[in-house]
């Protein structure tokens, strides 16, 4: 059974990408038919994702490599 939390954590991105299996999709649609707050969240999430994708720019590969290194270095300092 899909709960609101599970919908957000496990299914939302796959639903919007169109990659859910038929059983998961049916279960998700059943949940959405009974849960107006999740429908509202889904609509807001979809709009936000669309806006971010429209404004995204391609990052040069060199910059991407530098950013990954910085994130890896910072994260490794905080990992026990």
N, C-alpha and C. Protein backbone atom coordinates (compact mmCIF):
# COMPACT_ATOMS: atom_id res chain seq x y z
N UNK A 1 0.84 -1.19 0.00
CA UNK A 1 0.00 0.00 0.00
C UNK A 1 0.88 1.24 0.00
N UNK A 2 0.51 2.21 -0.79
CA UNK A 2 1.27 3.45 -0.86
C UNK A 2 0.76 4.41 0.21
N UNK A 3 1.67 4.91 1.01
CA UNK A 3 1.36 5.98 1.96
C UNK A 3 1.83 7.28 1.34
N UNK A 4 1.44 8.39 1.92
CA UNK A 4 1.88 9.69 1.41
C UNK A 4 3.40 9.80 1.42
N UNK A 5 4.01 9.39 2.52
CA UNK A 5 5.46 9.45 2.63
C UNK A 5 6.13 8.57 1.59
N UNK A 6 5.63 7.37 1.42
CA UNK A 6 6.21 6.44 0.44
C UNK A 6 6.05 6.99 -0.97
N UNK A 7 4.92 7.60 -1.26
CA UNK A 7 4.69 8.21 -2.57
C UNK A 7 5.79 9.21 -2.89
N UNK A 8 6.07 10.07 -1.94
CA UNK A 8 7.05 11.12 -2.14
C UNK A 8 8.46 10.54 -2.24
N UNK A 9 8.79 9.62 -1.36
CA UNK A 9 10.16 9.10 -1.30
C UNK A 9 10.48 8.12 -2.42
N UNK A 10 9.53 7.30 -2.82
CA UNK A 10 9.85 6.20 -3.72
C UNK A 10 9.27 6.31 -5.12
N UNK A 11 8.13 6.96 -5.27
CA UNK A 11 7.41 6.85 -6.53
C UNK A 11 7.32 8.12 -7.35
N UNK A 12 7.44 9.27 -6.73
CA UNK A 12 7.13 10.52 -7.42
C UNK A 12 7.99 10.77 -8.65
N UNK A 13 9.30 10.67 -8.50
CA UNK A 13 10.19 10.94 -9.64
C UNK A 13 9.96 9.92 -10.76
N UNK A 14 9.82 8.65 -10.41
CA UNK A 14 9.58 7.62 -11.42
C UNK A 14 8.24 7.84 -12.11
N UNK A 15 7.24 8.28 -11.36
CA UNK A 15 5.93 8.57 -11.94
C UNK A 15 6.05 9.67 -12.98
N UNK A 16 6.72 10.75 -12.63
CA UNK A 16 6.87 11.87 -13.55
C UNK A 16 7.76 11.52 -14.74
N UNK A 17 8.69 10.59 -14.55
CA UNK A 17 9.55 10.16 -15.65
C UNK A 17 8.87 9.11 -16.52
N UNK A 18 7.74 8.58 -16.06
CA UNK A 18 7.03 7.56 -16.82
C UNK A 18 7.68 6.19 -16.76
N UNK A 19 8.39 5.91 -15.66
CA UNK A 19 9.12 4.65 -15.56
C UNK A 19 8.55 3.69 -14.52
N UNK A 20 7.37 3.95 -14.00
CA UNK A 20 6.76 3.02 -13.04
C UNK A 20 6.20 1.81 -13.78
N UNK A 21 6.29 0.66 -13.13
CA UNK A 21 5.66 -0.54 -13.67
C UNK A 21 4.15 -0.44 -13.55
N UNK A 22 3.43 -1.29 -14.27
CA UNK A 22 1.96 -1.20 -14.27
C UNK A 22 1.33 -1.37 -12.88
N UNK A 23 1.87 -2.27 -12.07
CA UNK A 23 1.30 -2.47 -10.73
C UNK A 23 1.53 -1.25 -9.85
N UNK A 24 2.74 -0.71 -9.89
CA UNK A 24 3.05 0.49 -9.10
C UNK A 24 2.21 1.67 -9.57
N UNK A 25 2.06 1.80 -10.88
CA UNK A 25 1.28 2.91 -11.43
C UNK A 25 -0.18 2.81 -10.98
N UNK A 26 -0.74 1.62 -11.02
CA UNK A 26 -2.13 1.44 -10.58
C UNK A 26 -2.28 1.79 -9.10
N UNK A 27 -1.32 1.34 -8.30
CA UNK A 27 -1.37 1.63 -6.87
C UNK A 27 -1.23 3.12 -6.60
N UNK A 28 -0.34 3.76 -7.33
CA UNK A 28 -0.14 5.20 -7.18
C UNK A 28 -1.40 5.97 -7.59
N UNK A 29 -1.98 5.60 -8.71
CA UNK A 29 -3.19 6.28 -9.17
C UNK A 29 -4.34 6.08 -8.20
N UNK A 30 -4.42 4.89 -7.59
CA UNK A 30 -5.44 4.63 -6.58
C UNK A 30 -5.24 5.57 -5.38
N UNK A 31 -4.00 5.70 -4.93
CA UNK A 31 -3.71 6.59 -3.81
C UNK A 31 -4.07 8.03 -4.16
N UNK A 32 -3.66 8.46 -5.34
CA UNK A 32 -3.94 9.85 -5.74
C UNK A 32 -5.44 10.12 -5.85
N UNK A 33 -6.21 9.12 -6.22
CA UNK A 33 -7.66 9.32 -6.33
C UNK A 33 -8.32 9.54 -4.98
N UNK A 34 -7.62 9.16 -3.90
CA UNK A 34 -8.18 9.29 -2.56
C UNK A 34 -7.48 10.34 -1.69
N UNK A 35 -6.45 10.99 -2.23
CA UNK A 35 -5.63 11.85 -1.39
C UNK A 35 -5.36 13.21 -2.06
N UNK A 36 -6.27 14.17 -1.86
CA UNK A 36 -6.07 15.50 -2.45
C UNK A 36 -4.75 16.18 -2.06
N UNK A 37 -4.26 16.02 -0.81
CA UNK A 37 -2.97 16.65 -0.49
C UNK A 37 -1.82 16.10 -1.36
N UNK A 38 -1.83 14.82 -1.66
CA UNK A 38 -0.78 14.27 -2.52
C UNK A 38 -0.92 14.77 -3.96
N UNK A 39 -2.14 14.94 -4.42
CA UNK A 39 -2.35 15.49 -5.76
C UNK A 39 -1.80 16.91 -5.81
N UNK A 40 -2.07 17.70 -4.79
CA UNK A 40 -1.55 19.07 -4.73
C UNK A 40 -0.03 19.06 -4.69
N UNK A 41 0.55 18.17 -3.90
CA UNK A 41 2.01 18.08 -3.82
C UNK A 41 2.58 17.67 -5.17
N UNK A 42 1.97 16.69 -5.81
CA UNK A 42 2.42 16.23 -7.12
C UNK A 42 2.40 17.38 -8.13
N UNK A 43 1.34 18.15 -8.15
CA UNK A 43 1.24 19.27 -9.09
C UNK A 43 2.31 20.32 -8.83
N UNK A 44 2.54 20.63 -7.56
CA UNK A 44 3.57 21.60 -7.20
C UNK A 44 4.96 21.08 -7.57
N UNK A 45 5.20 19.82 -7.26
CA UNK A 45 6.50 19.20 -7.58
C UNK A 45 6.73 19.21 -9.08
N UNK A 46 5.70 18.86 -9.85
CA UNK A 46 5.80 18.83 -11.32
C UNK A 46 6.14 20.23 -11.86
N UNK A 47 5.45 21.25 -11.37
CA UNK A 47 5.71 22.62 -11.84
C UNK A 47 7.13 23.06 -11.48
N UNK A 48 7.54 22.75 -10.26
CA UNK A 48 8.89 23.12 -9.82
C UNK A 48 9.94 22.43 -10.68
N UNK A 49 9.76 21.15 -10.90
CA UNK A 49 10.71 20.39 -11.72
C UNK A 49 10.77 20.93 -13.14
N UNK A 50 9.62 21.27 -13.71
CA UNK A 50 9.59 21.83 -15.06
C UNK A 50 10.33 23.16 -15.13
N UNK A 51 10.12 24.01 -14.13
CA UNK A 51 10.80 25.31 -14.11
C UNK A 51 12.31 25.15 -13.99
N UNK A 52 12.74 24.26 -13.14
CA UNK A 52 14.17 24.03 -12.95
C UNK A 52 14.79 23.50 -14.24
N UNK A 53 14.13 22.57 -14.90
CA UNK A 53 14.65 22.00 -16.13
C UNK A 53 14.73 23.04 -17.24
N UNK A 54 13.78 23.95 -17.29
CA UNK A 54 13.79 25.00 -18.32
C UNK A 54 14.92 25.99 -18.10
N UNK A 55 15.29 26.20 -16.86
CA UNK A 55 16.32 27.18 -16.55
C UNK A 55 17.70 26.56 -16.43
N UNK A 56 17.77 25.26 -16.52
CA UNK A 56 19.07 24.59 -16.38
C UNK A 56 19.96 24.90 -17.57
N UNK A 57 21.22 25.05 -17.28
CA UNK A 57 22.21 25.25 -18.33
C UNK A 57 23.22 24.12 -18.25
N UNK A 58 23.82 23.84 -19.37
CA UNK A 58 24.84 22.80 -19.37
C UNK A 58 26.10 23.34 -18.73
N UNK A 59 26.62 22.56 -17.81
CA UNK A 59 27.85 22.93 -17.12
C UNK A 59 29.02 22.34 -17.91
N UNK A 60 30.05 23.15 -18.15
CA UNK A 60 31.22 22.62 -18.86
C UNK A 60 31.81 21.44 -18.09
N UNK A 61 32.32 20.42 -18.80
CA UNK A 61 32.85 19.23 -18.15
C UNK A 61 33.92 19.54 -17.11
N UNK A 62 34.75 20.55 -17.37
CA UNK A 62 35.81 20.90 -16.41
C UNK A 62 35.21 21.40 -15.10
N UNK A 63 34.17 22.21 -15.21
CA UNK A 63 33.51 22.74 -14.02
C UNK A 63 32.81 21.63 -13.26
N UNK A 64 32.19 20.72 -13.98
CA UNK A 64 31.51 19.58 -13.35
C UNK A 64 32.51 18.75 -12.56
N UNK A 65 33.70 18.52 -13.13
CA UNK A 65 34.74 17.73 -12.45
C UNK A 65 35.20 18.43 -11.18
N UNK A 66 35.40 19.75 -11.25
CA UNK A 66 35.83 20.51 -10.09
C UNK A 66 34.75 20.46 -9.00
N UNK A 67 33.51 20.65 -9.38
CA UNK A 67 32.41 20.62 -8.42
C UNK A 67 32.30 19.25 -7.75
N UNK A 68 32.41 18.19 -8.52
CA UNK A 68 32.35 16.85 -7.93
C UNK A 68 33.49 16.64 -6.93
N UNK A 69 34.68 17.11 -7.27
CA UNK A 69 35.83 16.96 -6.38
C UNK A 69 35.60 17.72 -5.07
N UNK A 70 35.11 18.94 -5.17
CA UNK A 70 34.84 19.73 -3.97
C UNK A 70 33.80 19.04 -3.09
N UNK A 71 32.74 18.54 -3.70
CA UNK A 71 31.70 17.86 -2.93
C UNK A 71 32.25 16.60 -2.28
N UNK A 72 33.01 15.81 -3.05
CA UNK A 72 33.60 14.58 -2.51
C UNK A 72 34.54 14.89 -1.35
N UNK A 73 35.39 15.91 -1.52
CA UNK A 73 36.35 16.28 -0.46
C UNK A 73 35.61 16.74 0.80
N UNK A 74 34.63 17.56 0.64
CA UNK A 74 33.89 18.07 1.80
C UNK A 74 33.10 16.96 2.48
N UNK A 75 32.49 16.09 1.69
CA UNK A 75 31.69 15.01 2.26
C UNK A 75 32.60 14.03 3.01
N UNK A 76 33.75 13.73 2.45
CA UNK A 76 34.64 12.74 3.08
C UNK A 76 35.17 13.25 4.43
N UNK A 77 35.25 14.54 4.63
CA UNK A 77 35.68 15.09 5.91
C UNK A 77 34.65 14.87 6.99
N UNK A 78 33.39 14.74 6.62
CA UNK A 78 32.31 14.62 7.59
C UNK A 78 31.82 13.19 7.76
N UNK A 79 32.42 12.25 7.05
CA UNK A 79 32.01 10.87 7.14
C UNK A 79 32.89 10.13 8.13
N UNK A 80 32.30 9.46 9.11
CA UNK A 80 33.11 8.74 10.12
C UNK A 80 33.83 7.56 9.52
